[in-house]
Amino acid sequence: MTTWIRIIFIHGSRTVPAAVALLVVLGLVPATANAATSGGQNAVAAGPATAVSPTTATYKIWHWNMAGHHQHLGSTTNGIIQAIAGSISYRQPDFVSINEICRNQYSAVIDALQKMGWPQSPTNFARYEPMTAAGDPGYCAGHGIGIAIFSRYALGDTLREPLPYDGSGKQRKLLCAPVAARPWTRFCTTHLTTVAAGRAGQLAAVHEVLESYRSRGNVPIVAGDFNVQPHSPLLNTWYDASVDSAANGGNVGHYHELDDREPVCPGWGEQTTESNQLGACGQSGKVDLIFAPADRLVSYRADAHPIGHVCGANRDKPCSDHRIVDATVSVMAGQ
């Protein structure tokens, strides 16, 4: 049975499930839906994708590198699944991207989202692609680790694209699926290599697939941990030429990263890690990115949210070493 609690906000009160109330108290979701975010942008009201006009659709996107092995060793009972479900319940995205998710954690997230009534098609809303072999004792207690997408809407055929191998023991992938009722919308996730010598090749492979979709009139949206920061020259062929700032210049591409208008650091955005890695504008590193084609964008925005400390045996440990990123994007319909 779900317990409901009334929380008093700055601008009124709301009744929320007790699990969400805990996340509010501990910072995994904001305490007020109307308060300005840490990046100075006003929060956008949560809701499903809506038709703004006959040729425009708006989607909400949620991405997290959950560190399923590194932080949780494959656990599904230490608060991480509740943290994911609580954040998705609060933010109500249409598309979800998760990196570093163990195979058993993927199944647990499916169960949680089904119980919430989140997907419109409970048997066709999730896709998973492993990066390691099941049974490998080095990851997730033998369950294997990979990437996943979840969609509020029924999904179509799946693309599972292996990326150039980097010698690390992990086979990096690009995972994409279209919305069945709107096949021109293709949602993708990827988690690129930490091996410096392999980054250019993997970025090029992902970019080639996105450009193939774009050339056919589709609208590809990709979210993931790119392990590359916005100011890297490797992303100059990604970012649209209109993105030209002190923190990110020299761009010649055809995409916007949905946080590149962030006033804290124009052209670059908000940090997505808290590791003290050198970022831009005095921030930590930003490697979790969401891209969409510039020529199909009507409006867009994104925010990165501080890491919640609601995991572990006592529910007081950080749930990841990455921040959750959520975005809202309006796009012109494709073919």
C-alpha atoms as a PDB file:
ATOM      1  CA  MET A   1       0.000   0.000   0.000  1.00  0.00           C
ATOM      2  CA  THR A   2       1.329   3.436  -0.921  1.00  0.00           C
ATOM      3  CA  THR A   3       1.598   5.958   1.911  1.00  0.00           C
ATOM      4  CA  TRP A   4       0.878   9.565   0.928  1.00  0.00           C
ATOM      5  CA  ILE A   5       2.344  12.601   2.694  1.00  0.00           C
ATOM      6  CA  ARG A   6       1.431  16.284   2.340  1.00  0.00           C
ATOM      7  CA  ILE A   7       4.504  18.480   1.909  1.00  0.00           C
ATOM      8  CA  ILE A   8       4.344  22.250   2.323  1.00  0.00           C
ATOM      9  CA  PHE A   9       6.203  24.019  -0.496  1.00  0.00           C
ATOM     10  CA  ILE A  10       7.094  27.669  -0.859  1.00  0.00           C
ATOM     11  CA  HIS A  11       4.165  28.252  -3.202  1.00  0.00           C
ATOM     12  CA  GLY A  12       1.601  25.906  -1.669  1.00  0.00           C
ATOM     13  CA  SER A  13       1.300  22.246  -0.788  1.00  0.00           C
ATOM     14  CA  ARG A  14       1.247  18.919  -2.596  1.00  0.00           C
ATOM     15  CA  THR A  15       0.334  15.404  -1.602  1.00  0.00           C
ATOM     16  CA  VAL A  16       3.003  12.964  -2.758  1.00  0.00           C
ATOM     17  CA  PRO A  17       3.888   9.303  -2.112  1.00  0.00           C
ATOM     18  CA  ALA A  18       6.080   8.790   0.933  1.00  0.00           C
ATOM     19  CA  ALA A  19       8.880   7.460  -1.289  1.00  0.00           C
ATOM     20  CA  VAL A  20       8.883  10.685  -3.271  1.00  0.00           C
ATOM     21  CA  ALA A  21       8.733  12.704  -0.061  1.00  0.00           C
ATOM     22  CA  LEU A  22      11.959  11.025   1.074  1.00  0.00           C
ATOM     23  CA  LEU A  23      13.612  11.957  -2.219  1.00  0.00           C
ATOM     24  CA  VAL A  24      12.446  15.563  -1.764  1.00  0.00           C
ATOM     25  CA  VAL A  25      13.901  15.724   1.718  1.00  0.00           C
ATOM     26  CA  LEU A  26      17.219  14.237   0.621  1.00  0.00           C
ATOM     27  CA  GLY A  27      17.530  16.289  -2.549  1.00  0.00           C
ATOM     28  CA  LEU A  28      17.006  13.752  -5.343  1.00  0.00           C
ATOM     29  CA  VAL A  29      14.029  15.792  -6.554  1.00  0.00           C
ATOM     30  CA  PRO A  30      13.494  19.523  -5.942  1.00  0.00           C
ATOM     31  CA  ALA A  31      11.499  20.677  -2.949  1.00  0.00           C
ATOM     32  CA  THR A  32       9.442  23.099  -5.032  1.00  0.00           C
ATOM     33  CA  ALA A  33       8.224  22.637  -8.562  1.00  0.00           C
ATOM     34  CA  ASN A  34       8.202  26.403  -9.094  1.00  0.00           C
ATOM     35  CA  ALA A  35      11.619  27.262  -7.690  1.00  0.00           C
ATOM     36  CA  ALA A  36      14.479  28.234  -9.957  1.00  0.00           C
ATOM     37  CA  THR A  37      16.899  25.401 -10.622  1.00  0.00           C
ATOM     38  CA  SER A  38      20.564  25.514  -9.729  1.00  0.00           C
ATOM     39  CA  GLY A  39      21.319  26.680 -13.241  1.00  0.00           C
ATOM     40  CA  GLY A  40      19.004  29.675 -13.056  1.00  0.00           C
ATOM     41  CA  GLN A  41      16.344  28.281 -15.391  1.00  0.00           C
ATOM     42  CA  ASN A  42      12.717  28.015 -14.309  1.00  0.00           C
ATOM     43  CA  ALA A  43      11.410  24.493 -13.892  1.00  0.00           C
ATOM     44  CA  VAL A  44       9.117  23.219 -16.655  1.00  0.00           C
ATOM     45  CA  ALA A  45       5.866  21.572 -15.590  1.00  0.00           C
ATOM     46  CA  ALA A  46       6.096  17.803 -15.879  1.00  0.00           C
ATOM     47  CA  GLY A  47       3.872  16.038 -18.366  1.00  0.00           C
ATOM     48  CA  PRO A  48       3.787  13.601 -21.282  1.00  0.00           C
ATOM     49  CA  ALA A  49       4.672  14.486 -24.848  1.00  0.00           C
ATOM     50  CA  THR A  50       2.102  16.854 -26.294  1.00  0.00           C
ATOM     51  CA  ALA A  51       1.326  18.096 -29.775  1.00  0.00           C
ATOM     52  CA  VAL A  52       2.140  21.801 -29.788  1.00  0.00           C
ATOM     53  CA  SER A  53       0.898  22.069 -33.367  1.00  0.00           C
ATOM     54  CA  PRO A  54       0.019  19.536 -36.090  1.00  0.00           C
ATOM     55  CA  THR A  55       3.715  19.367 -37.018  1.00  0.00           C
ATOM     56  CA  THR A  56       5.381  19.733 -33.617  1.00  0.00           C
ATOM     57  CA  ALA A  57       5.838  17.363 -30.681  1.00  0.00           C
ATOM     58  CA  THR A  58       7.288  17.994 -27.239  1.00  0.00           C
ATOM     59  CA  TYR A  59       9.178  15.332 -25.289  1.00  0.00           C
ATOM     60  CA  LYS A  60      10.671  15.141 -21.826  1.00  0.00           C
ATOM     61  CA  ILE A  61      13.914  13.170 -21.533  1.00  0.00           C
ATOM     62  CA  TRP A  62      15.625  11.727 -18.437  1.00  0.00           C
ATOM     63  CA  HIS A  63      19.179  10.363 -18.432  1.00  0.00           C
ATOM     64  CA  TRP A  64      21.387   8.893 -15.713  1.00  0.00           C
ATOM     65  CA  ASN A  65      24.621   6.976 -15.519  1.00  0.00           C
ATOM     66  CA  MET A  66      23.568   5.039 -12.423  1.00  0.00           C
ATOM     67  CA  ALA A  67      26.946   3.343 -11.811  1.00  0.00           C
ATOM     68  CA  GLY A  68      25.133   0.034 -11.367  1.00  0.00           C
ATOM     69  CA  HIS A  69      28.283  -1.973 -10.709  1.00  0.00           C
ATOM     70  CA  HIS A  70      30.783   0.607  -9.508  1.00  0.00           C
ATOM     71  CA  GLN A  71      28.438   2.073  -6.909  1.00  0.00           C
ATOM     72  CA  HIS A  72      26.018  -0.792  -6.231  1.00  0.00           C
ATOM     73  CA  LEU A  73      27.690  -4.095  -7.279  1.00  0.00           C
ATOM     74  CA  GLY A  74      24.464  -5.067  -9.017  1.00  0.00           C
ATOM     75  CA  SER A  75      22.202  -4.571  -6.005  1.00  0.00           C
ATOM     76  CA  THR A  76      18.487  -3.978  -6.478  1.00  0.00           C
ATOM     77  CA  THR A  77      17.696  -3.667  -2.766  1.00  0.00           C
ATOM     78  CA  ASN A  78      19.929  -0.823  -1.556  1.00  0.00           C
ATOM     79  CA  GLY A  79      17.685   2.064  -2.607  1.00  0.00           C
ATOM     80  CA  ILE A  80      18.882   2.556  -6.190  1.00  0.00           C
ATOM     81  CA  ILE A  81      15.730   1.189  -7.860  1.00  0.00           C
ATOM     82  CA  GLN A  82      13.541   3.273  -5.561  1.00  0.00           C
ATOM     83  CA  ALA A  83      15.656   6.326  -6.409  1.00  0.00           C
ATOM     84  CA  ILE A  84      15.192   5.760 -10.145  1.00  0.00           C
ATOM     85  CA  ALA A  85      11.464   5.085  -9.843  1.00  0.00           C
ATOM     86  CA  GLY A  86      10.947   8.038  -7.509  1.00  0.00           C
ATOM     87  CA  SER A  87      12.697  10.486  -9.818  1.00  0.00           C
ATOM     88  CA  ILE A  88      10.852   9.208 -12.896  1.00  0.00           C
ATOM     89  CA  SER A  89       7.545   9.378 -11.010  1.00  0.00           C
ATOM     90  CA  TYR A  90       8.250  12.986 -10.059  1.00  0.00           C
ATOM     91  CA  ARG A  91       9.651  14.259 -13.364  1.00  0.00           C
ATOM     92  CA  GLN A  92       7.359  12.222 -15.655  1.00  0.00           C
ATOM     93  CA  PRO A  93       9.675  11.924 -18.680  1.00  0.00           C
ATOM     94  CA  ASP A  94       8.647  10.404 -21.986  1.00  0.00           C
ATOM     95  CA  PHE A  95      12.046   8.822 -22.665  1.00  0.00           C
ATOM     96  CA  VAL A  96      14.562   7.411 -20.189  1.00  0.00           C
ATOM     97  CA  SER A  97      18.227   6.587 -20.843  1.00  0.00           C
ATOM     98  CA  ILE A  98      20.274   4.675 -18.261  1.00  0.00           C
ATOM     99  CA  ASN A  99      23.975   3.840 -18.529  1.00  0.00           C
ATOM    100  CA  GLU A 100      25.964   1.335 -16.473  1.00  0.00           C
ATOM    101  CA  ILE A 101      22.852  -0.636 -15.592  1.00  0.00           C
ATOM    102  CA  CYS A 102      23.194  -4.287 -14.609  1.00  0.00           C
ATOM    103  CA  ARG A 103      20.900  -6.783 -16.334  1.00  0.00           C
ATOM    104  CA  ASN A 104      19.069  -7.613 -13.101  1.00  0.00           C
ATOM    105  CA  GLN A 105      18.681  -3.899 -12.319  1.00  0.00           C
ATOM    106  CA  TYR A 106      17.127  -3.420 -15.763  1.00  0.00           C
ATOM    107  CA  SER A 107      14.518  -6.055 -14.906  1.00  0.00           C
ATOM    108  CA  ALA A 108      13.869  -4.370 -11.555  1.00  0.00           C
ATOM    109  CA  VAL A 109      13.346  -0.978 -13.233  1.00  0.00           C
ATOM    110  CA  ILE A 110      10.880  -2.565 -15.671  1.00  0.00           C
ATOM    111  CA  ASP A 111       8.921  -3.990 -12.743  1.00  0.00           C
ATOM    112  CA  ALA A 112       8.933  -0.652 -10.903  1.00  0.00           C
ATOM    113  CA  LEU A 113       7.765   1.343 -13.937  1.00  0.00           C
ATOM    114  CA  GLN A 114       5.035  -1.180 -14.722  1.00  0.00           C
ATOM    115  CA  LYS A 115       3.747  -0.979 -11.145  1.00  0.00           C
ATOM    116  CA  MET A 116       3.717   2.830 -11.421  1.00  0.00           C
ATOM    117  CA  GLY A 117       1.625   2.623 -14.587  1.00  0.00           C
ATOM    118  CA  TRP A 118       4.223   4.724 -16.405  1.00  0.00           C
ATOM    119  CA  PRO A 119       4.381   2.984 -19.817  1.00  0.00           C
ATOM    120  CA  GLN A 120       1.431   3.087 -22.181  1.00  0.00           C
ATOM    121  CA  SER A 121       2.510  -0.314 -23.508  1.00  0.00           C
ATOM    122  CA  PRO A 122       3.636  -2.350 -20.471  1.00  0.00           C
ATOM    123  CA  THR A 123       5.078  -5.163 -22.601  1.00  0.00           C
ATOM    124  CA  ASN A 124       6.880  -3.041 -25.206  1.00  0.00           C
ATOM    125  CA  PHE A 125       8.576  -0.037 -23.649  1.00  0.00           C
ATOM    126  CA  ALA A 126      12.115  -1.109 -22.716  1.00  0.00           C
ATOM    127  CA  ARG A 127      15.292  -2.135 -24.509  1.00  0.00           C
ATOM    128  CA  TYR A 128      18.631  -3.352 -23.115  1.00  0.00           C
ATOM    129  CA  GLU A 129      22.019  -3.948 -24.688  1.00  0.00           C
ATOM    130  CA  PRO A 130      24.893  -5.570 -22.742  1.00  0.00           C
ATOM    131  CA  MET A 131      28.480  -4.343 -22.868  1.00  0.00           C
ATOM    132  CA  THR A 132      29.865  -7.410 -21.068  1.00  0.00           C
ATOM    133  CA  ALA A 133      28.938 -11.062 -21.251  1.00  0.00           C
ATOM    134  CA  ALA A 134      26.419 -12.428 -18.790  1.00  0.00           C
ATOM    135  CA  GLY A 135      28.257 -14.529 -16.257  1.00  0.00           C
ATOM    136  CA  ASP A 136      31.353 -12.306 -16.253  1.00  0.00           C
ATOM    137  CA  PRO A 137      32.203 -12.268 -12.519  1.00  0.00           C
ATOM    138  CA  GLY A 138      33.893  -8.889 -12.891  1.00  0.00           C
ATOM    139  CA  TYR A 139      30.607  -7.018 -13.263  1.00  0.00           C
ATOM    140  CA  CYS A 140      27.340  -6.953 -11.364  1.00  0.00           C
ATOM    141  CA  ALA A 141      27.868 -10.256  -9.537  1.00  0.00           C
ATOM    142  CA  GLY A 142      27.791 -12.060 -12.866  1.00  0.00           C
ATOM    143  CA  HIS A 143      24.700 -10.367 -14.287  1.00  0.00           C
ATOM    144  CA  GLY A 144      26.576  -8.278 -16.852  1.00  0.00           C
ATOM    145  CA  ILE A 145      26.369  -4.523 -17.393  1.00  0.00           C
ATOM    146  CA  GLY A 146      25.020  -2.446 -20.255  1.00  0.00           C
ATOM    147  CA  ILE A 147      22.799   0.392 -21.440  1.00  0.00           C
ATOM    148  CA  ALA A 148      19.020   0.733 -21.546  1.00  0.00           C
ATOM    149  CA  ILE A 149      16.203   2.871 -22.871  1.00  0.00           C
ATOM    150  CA  PHE A 150      12.647   3.096 -21.581  1.00  0.00           C
ATOM    151  CA  SER A 151       9.772   4.846 -23.348  1.00  0.00           C
ATOM    152  CA  ARG A 152       6.344   5.969 -22.219  1.00  0.00           C
ATOM    153  CA  TYR A 153       5.207   4.972 -25.725  1.00  0.00           C
ATOM    154  CA  ALA A 154       5.343   1.623 -27.505  1.00  0.00           C
ATOM    155  CA  LEU A 155       8.624   1.139 -29.359  1.00  0.00           C
ATOM    156  CA  GLY A 156       9.395  -0.111 -32.861  1.00  0.00           C
ATOM    157  CA  ASP A 157      12.301  -2.124 -34.261  1.00  0.00           C
ATOM    158  CA  THR A 158      15.566  -1.824 -32.350  1.00  0.00           C
ATOM    159  CA  LEU A 159      19.012  -0.813 -33.606  1.00  0.00           C
ATOM    160  CA  ARG A 160      21.845  -2.422 -31.614  1.00  0.00           C
ATOM    161  CA  GLU A 161      24.997  -1.003 -33.177  1.00  0.00           C
ATOM    162  CA  PRO A 162      28.414  -2.225 -31.962  1.00  0.00           C
ATOM    163  CA  LEU A 163      30.955   0.597 -31.874  1.00  0.00           C
ATOM    164  CA  PRO A 164      34.647   0.268 -32.770  1.00  0.00           C
ATOM    165  CA  TYR A 165      36.310  -1.903 -30.141  1.00  0.00           C
ATOM    166  CA  ASP A 166      38.671  -0.101 -27.765  1.00  0.00           C
ATOM    167  CA  GLY A 167      40.510  -3.068 -26.255  1.00  0.00           C
ATOM    168  CA  SER A 168      39.008  -2.482 -22.804  1.00  0.00           C
ATOM    169  CA  GLY A 169      37.047  -5.702 -22.487  1.00  0.00           C
ATOM    170  CA  LYS A 170      33.720  -3.879 -22.942  1.00  0.00           C
ATOM    171  CA  GLN A 171      31.901  -3.803 -26.278  1.00  0.00           C
ATOM    172  CA  ARG A 172      30.463  -0.290 -26.456  1.00  0.00           C
ATOM    173  CA  LYS A 173      27.121   0.047 -28.250  1.00  0.00           C
ATOM    174  CA  LEU A 174      24.575   2.485 -29.647  1.00  0.00           C
ATOM    175  CA  LEU A 175      21.007   1.476 -28.799  1.00  0.00           C
ATOM    176  CA  CYS A 176      18.089   3.118 -30.647  1.00  0.00           C
ATOM    177  CA  ALA A 177      14.380   2.540 -31.140  1.00  0.00           C
ATOM    178  CA  PRO A 178      11.624   4.576 -32.812  1.00  0.00           C
ATOM    179  CA  VAL A 179       8.278   5.429 -31.277  1.00  0.00           C
ATOM    180  CA  ALA A 180       5.929   2.968 -32.987  1.00  0.00           C
ATOM    181  CA  ALA A 181       3.210   5.571 -33.586  1.00  0.00           C
ATOM    182  CA  ARG A 182       5.723   8.267 -34.577  1.00  0.00           C
ATOM    183  CA  PRO A 183       8.504   6.335 -36.326  1.00  0.00           C
ATOM    184  CA  TRP A 184      10.273   9.553 -37.301  1.00  0.00           C
ATOM    185  CA  THR A 185      11.155  10.027 -33.613  1.00  0.00           C
ATOM    186  CA  ARG A 186      14.112   7.816 -32.723  1.00  0.00           C
ATOM    187  CA  PHE A 187      15.428   7.731 -29.175  1.00  0.00           C
ATOM    188  CA  CYS A 188      18.937   6.449 -28.566  1.00  0.00           C
ATOM    189  CA  THR A 189      21.420   5.917 -25.773  1.00  0.00           C
ATOM    190  CA  THR A 190      25.134   5.218 -25.756  1.00  0.00           C
ATOM    191  CA  HIS A 191      27.992   5.019 -23.285  1.00  0.00           C
ATOM    192  CA  LEU A 192      31.311   5.752 -24.952  1.00  0.00           C
ATOM    193  CA  THR A 193      34.782   4.603 -24.046  1.00  0.00           C
ATOM    194  CA  THR A 194      37.098   5.936 -21.378  1.00  0.00           C
ATOM    195  CA  VAL A 195      40.056   4.904 -23.559  1.00  0.00           C
ATOM    196  CA  ALA A 196      41.378   8.108 -25.121  1.00  0.00           C
ATOM    197  CA  ALA A 197      42.564   6.410 -28.308  1.00  0.00           C
ATOM    198  CA  GLY A 198      39.111   4.958 -28.947  1.00  0.00           C
ATOM    199  CA  ARG A 199      36.976   8.064 -28.489  1.00  0.00           C
ATOM    200  CA  ALA A 200      37.223   9.567 -31.975  1.00  0.00           C
ATOM    201  CA  GLY A 201      36.245   6.323 -33.694  1.00  0.00           C
ATOM    202  CA  GLN A 202      33.265   5.679 -31.450  1.00  0.00           C
ATOM    203  CA  LEU A 203      32.030   9.266 -31.710  1.00  0.00           C
ATOM    204  CA  ALA A 204      32.293   9.065 -35.495  1.00  0.00           C
ATOM    205  CA  ALA A 205      30.331   5.806 -35.582  1.00  0.00           C
ATOM    206  CA  VAL A 206      27.484   7.219 -33.477  1.00  0.00           C
ATOM    207  CA  HIS A 207      27.475  10.438 -35.499  1.00  0.00           C
ATOM    208  CA  GLU A 208      27.239   8.472 -38.751  1.00  0.00           C
ATOM    209  CA  VAL A 209      24.104   6.667 -37.553  1.00  0.00           C
ATOM    210  CA  LEU A 210      22.479   9.909 -36.394  1.00  0.00           C
ATOM    211  CA  GLU A 211      23.282  11.599 -39.693  1.00  0.00           C
ATOM    212  CA  SER A 212      21.770   8.654 -41.556  1.00  0.00           C
ATOM    213  CA  TYR A 213      18.538   9.088 -39.602  1.00  0.00           C
ATOM    214  CA  ARG A 214      18.596  12.854 -40.088  1.00  0.00           C
ATOM    215  CA  SER A 215      19.130  12.551 -43.846  1.00  0.00           C
ATOM    216  CA  ARG A 216      15.986  10.400 -44.078  1.00  0.00           C
ATOM    217  CA  GLY A 217      13.854  13.030 -42.361  1.00  0.00           C
ATOM    218  CA  ASN A 218      13.915  11.359 -38.940  1.00  0.00           C
ATOM    219  CA  VAL A 219      14.506  13.172 -35.644  1.00  0.00           C
ATOM    220  CA  PRO A 220      17.147  11.251 -33.677  1.00  0.00           C
ATOM    221  CA  ILE A 221      17.577  12.170 -30.008  1.00  0.00           C
ATOM    222  CA  VAL A 222      20.569  10.615 -28.263  1.00  0.00           C
ATOM    223  CA  ALA A 223      21.408  10.683 -24.565  1.00  0.00           C
ATOM    224  CA  GLY A 224      24.391   9.169 -22.838  1.00  0.00           C
ATOM    225  CA  ASP A 225      27.674   9.367 -21.021  1.00  0.00           C
ATOM    226  CA  PHE A 226      29.966  10.395 -23.860  1.00  0.00           C
ATOM    227  CA  ASN A 227      33.107  10.513 -21.706  1.00  0.00           C
ATOM    228  CA  VAL A 228      33.937  13.656 -23.699  1.00  0.00           C
ATOM    229  CA  GLN A 229      33.270  17.219 -22.552  1.00  0.00           C
ATOM    230  CA  PRO A 230      31.477  19.844 -24.676  1.00  0.00           C
ATOM    231  CA  HIS A 231      34.613  21.885 -25.356  1.00  0.00           C
ATOM    232  CA  SER A 232      36.502  18.891 -26.784  1.00  0.00           C
ATOM    233  CA  PRO A 233      37.495  19.343 -30.449  1.00  0.00           C
ATOM    234  CA  LEU A 234      36.106  15.829 -30.968  1.00  0.00           C
ATOM    235  CA  LEU A 235      32.608  17.316 -30.682  1.00  0.00           C
ATOM    236  CA  ASN A 236      33.158  20.197 -33.108  1.00  0.00           C
ATOM    237  CA  THR A 237      31.455  18.187 -35.864  1.00  0.00           C
ATOM    238  CA  TRP A 238      28.480  17.630 -33.555  1.00  0.00           C
ATOM    239  CA  TYR A 239      27.659  21.056 -32.140  1.00  0.00           C
ATOM    240  CA  ASP A 240      25.863  23.433 -34.488  1.00  0.00           C
ATOM    241  CA  ALA A 241      27.949  26.339 -35.763  1.00  0.00           C
ATOM    242  CA  SER A 242      25.647  28.722 -33.886  1.00  0.00           C
ATOM    243  CA  VAL A 243      27.122  27.389 -30.632  1.00  0.00           C
ATOM    244  CA  ASP A 244      30.053  29.769 -30.402  1.00  0.00           C
ATOM    245  CA  SER A 245      31.066  30.870 -26.927  1.00  0.00           C
ATOM    246  CA  ALA A 246      34.159  31.300 -24.818  1.00  0.00           C
ATOM    247  CA  ALA A 247      33.543  27.843 -23.349  1.00  0.00           C
ATOM    248  CA  ASN A 248      32.730  26.072 -26.618  1.00  0.00           C
ATOM    249  CA  GLY A 249      33.707  27.397 -30.044  1.00  0.00           C
ATOM    250  CA  GLY A 250      34.931  26.204 -33.433  1.00  0.00           C
ATOM    251  CA  ASN A 251      31.822  24.122 -34.092  1.00  0.00           C
ATOM    252  CA  VAL A 252      30.676  23.084 -37.568  1.00  0.00           C
ATOM    253  CA  GLY A 253      28.030  20.428 -36.851  1.00  0.00           C
ATOM    254  CA  HIS A 254      24.249  20.139 -37.016  1.00  0.00           C
ATOM    255  CA  TYR A 255      23.150  19.345 -33.446  1.00  0.00           C
ATOM    256  CA  HIS A 256      22.378  21.125 -30.221  1.00  0.00           C
ATOM    257  CA  GLU A 257      23.195  19.642 -26.848  1.00  0.00           C
ATOM    258  CA  LEU A 258      20.029  20.449 -24.957  1.00  0.00           C
ATOM    259  CA  ASP A 259      21.872  22.257 -22.161  1.00  0.00           C
ATOM    260  CA  ASP A 260      23.971  24.501 -24.414  1.00  0.00           C
ATOM    261  CA  ARG A 261      21.879  27.594 -23.593  1.00  0.00           C
ATOM    262  CA  GLU A 262      22.497  27.272 -19.861  1.00  0.00           C
ATOM    263  CA  PRO A 263      23.257  30.793 -18.543  1.00  0.00           C
ATOM    264  CA  VAL A 264      25.728  29.443 -15.976  1.00  0.00           C
ATOM    265  CA  CYS A 265      28.026  28.509 -18.874  1.00  0.00           C
ATOM    266  CA  PRO A 266      26.679  29.385 -22.361  1.00  0.00           C
ATOM    267  CA  GLY A 267      27.567  26.861 -25.047  1.00  0.00           C
ATOM    268  CA  TRP A 268      28.713  24.333 -22.455  1.00  0.00           C
ATOM    269  CA  GLY A 269      26.029  23.870 -19.809  1.00  0.00           C
ATOM    270  CA  GLU A 270      25.989  22.507 -16.266  1.00  0.00           C
ATOM    271  CA  GLN A 271      28.375  19.950 -14.808  1.00  0.00           C
ATOM    272  CA  THR A 272      27.062  16.382 -14.683  1.00  0.00           C
ATOM    273  CA  THR A 273      29.706  14.990 -12.331  1.00  0.00           C
ATOM    274  CA  GLU A 274      30.924  16.008  -8.906  1.00  0.00           C
ATOM    275  CA  SER A 275      34.410  14.573  -9.264  1.00  0.00           C
ATOM    276  CA  ASN A 276      36.377  17.847  -9.386  1.00  0.00           C
ATOM    277  CA  GLN A 277      37.426  16.980 -12.919  1.00  0.00           C
ATOM    278  CA  LEU A 278      38.267  20.216 -14.692  1.00  0.00           C
ATOM    279  CA  GLY A 279      35.227  21.423 -16.609  1.00  0.00           C
ATOM    280  CA  ALA A 280      34.372  24.915 -17.843  1.00  0.00           C
ATOM    281  CA  CYS A 281      33.228  28.071 -16.052  1.00  0.00           C
ATOM    282  CA  GLY A 282      34.687  26.813 -12.781  1.00  0.00           C
ATOM    283  CA  GLN A 283      32.614  23.623 -12.801  1.00  0.00           C
ATOM    284  CA  SER A 284      33.327  19.932 -12.494  1.00  0.00           C
ATOM    285  CA  GLY A 285      33.179  17.737 -15.577  1.00  0.00           C
ATOM    286  CA  LYS A 286      30.252  17.436 -17.993  1.00  0.00           C
ATOM    287  CA  VAL A 287      30.142  14.152 -19.894  1.00  0.00           C
ATOM    288  CA  ASP A 288      26.413  13.308 -19.838  1.00  0.00           C
ATOM    289  CA  LEU A 289      24.940  14.866 -22.964  1.00  0.00           C
ATOM    290  CA  ILE A 290      21.631  14.910 -24.871  1.00  0.00           C
ATOM    291  CA  PHE A 291      21.751  15.865 -28.569  1.00  0.00           C
ATOM    292  CA  ALA A 292      19.003  16.614 -31.112  1.00  0.00           C
ATOM    293  CA  PRO A 293      19.174  17.970 -34.707  1.00  0.00           C
ATOM    294  CA  ALA A 294      19.400  21.767 -34.799  1.00  0.00           C
ATOM    295  CA  ASP A 295      17.204  22.118 -37.882  1.00  0.00           C
ATOM    296  CA  ARG A 296      14.290  20.327 -36.200  1.00  0.00           C
ATOM    297  CA  LEU A 297      14.325  22.162 -32.884  1.00  0.00           C
ATOM    298  CA  VAL A 298      11.538  24.541 -31.893  1.00  0.00           C
ATOM    299  CA  SER A 299      12.663  24.955 -28.281  1.00  0.00           C
ATOM    300  CA  TYR A 300      14.816  23.080 -25.789  1.00  0.00           C
ATOM    301  CA  ARG A 301      16.304  23.193 -22.318  1.00  0.00           C
ATOM    302  CA  ALA A 302      17.980  20.843 -19.846  1.00  0.00           C
ATOM    303  CA  ASP A 303      19.147  20.713 -16.245  1.00  0.00           C
ATOM    304  CA  ALA A 304      21.559  18.560 -14.253  1.00  0.00           C
ATOM    305  CA  HIS A 305      20.491  17.763 -10.702  1.00  0.00           C
ATOM    306  CA  PRO A 306      22.767  17.222  -7.683  1.00  0.00           C
ATOM    307  CA  ILE A 307      23.475  13.615  -6.763  1.00  0.00           C
ATOM    308  CA  GLY A 308      21.036  12.239  -4.202  1.00  0.00           C
ATOM    309  CA  HIS A 309      22.326  10.494  -1.078  1.00  0.00           C
ATOM    310  CA  VAL A 310      19.530   7.951  -0.606  1.00  0.00           C
ATOM    311  CA  CYS A 311      21.296   4.654  -1.347  1.00  0.00           C
ATOM    312  CA  GLY A 312      23.221   2.097   0.694  1.00  0.00           C
ATOM    313  CA  ALA A 313      22.252   0.062   3.735  1.00  0.00           C
ATOM    314  CA  ASN A 314      21.343   3.179   5.689  1.00  0.00           C
ATOM    315  CA  ARG A 315      20.074   5.129   2.655  1.00  0.00           C
ATOM    316  CA  ASP A 316      22.700   7.826   3.235  1.00  0.00           C
ATOM    317  CA  LYS A 317      25.217   7.096   0.453  1.00  0.00           C
ATOM    318  CA  PRO A 318      25.437   8.761  -2.986  1.00  0.00           C
ATOM    319  CA  CYS A 319      23.462   6.826  -5.578  1.00  0.00           C
ATOM    320  CA  SER A 320      25.968   7.503  -8.379  1.00  0.00           C
ATOM    321  CA  ASP A 321      29.010   9.534  -9.315  1.00  0.00           C
ATOM    322  CA  HIS A 322      26.938  11.199 -12.060  1.00  0.00           C
ATOM    323  CA  ARG A 323      24.033  13.612 -11.896  1.00  0.00           C
ATOM    324  CA  ILE A 324      20.599  12.968 -13.345  1.00  0.00           C
ATOM    325  CA  VAL A 325      19.992  15.100 -16.448  1.00  0.00           C
ATOM    326  CA  ASP A 326      16.491  15.932 -17.607  1.00  0.00           C
ATOM    327  CA  ALA A 327      15.472  17.884 -20.686  1.00  0.00           C
ATOM    328  CA  THR A 328      12.410  19.171 -22.510  1.00  0.00           C
ATOM    329  CA  VAL A 329      12.540  19.494 -26.282  1.00  0.00           C
ATOM    330  CA  SER A 330       9.993  20.534 -28.914  1.00  0.00           C
ATOM    331  CA  VAL A 331      10.746  19.243 -32.397  1.00  0.00           C
ATOM    332  CA  MET A 332       9.227  19.613 -35.844  1.00  0.00           C
ATOM    333  CA  ALA A 333       7.765  16.368 -37.073  1.00  0.00           C
ATOM    334  CA  GLY A 334       9.736  14.271 -39.519  1.00  0.00           C
ATOM    335  CA  GLN A 335       8.881  11.887 -42.300  1.00  0.00           C
END
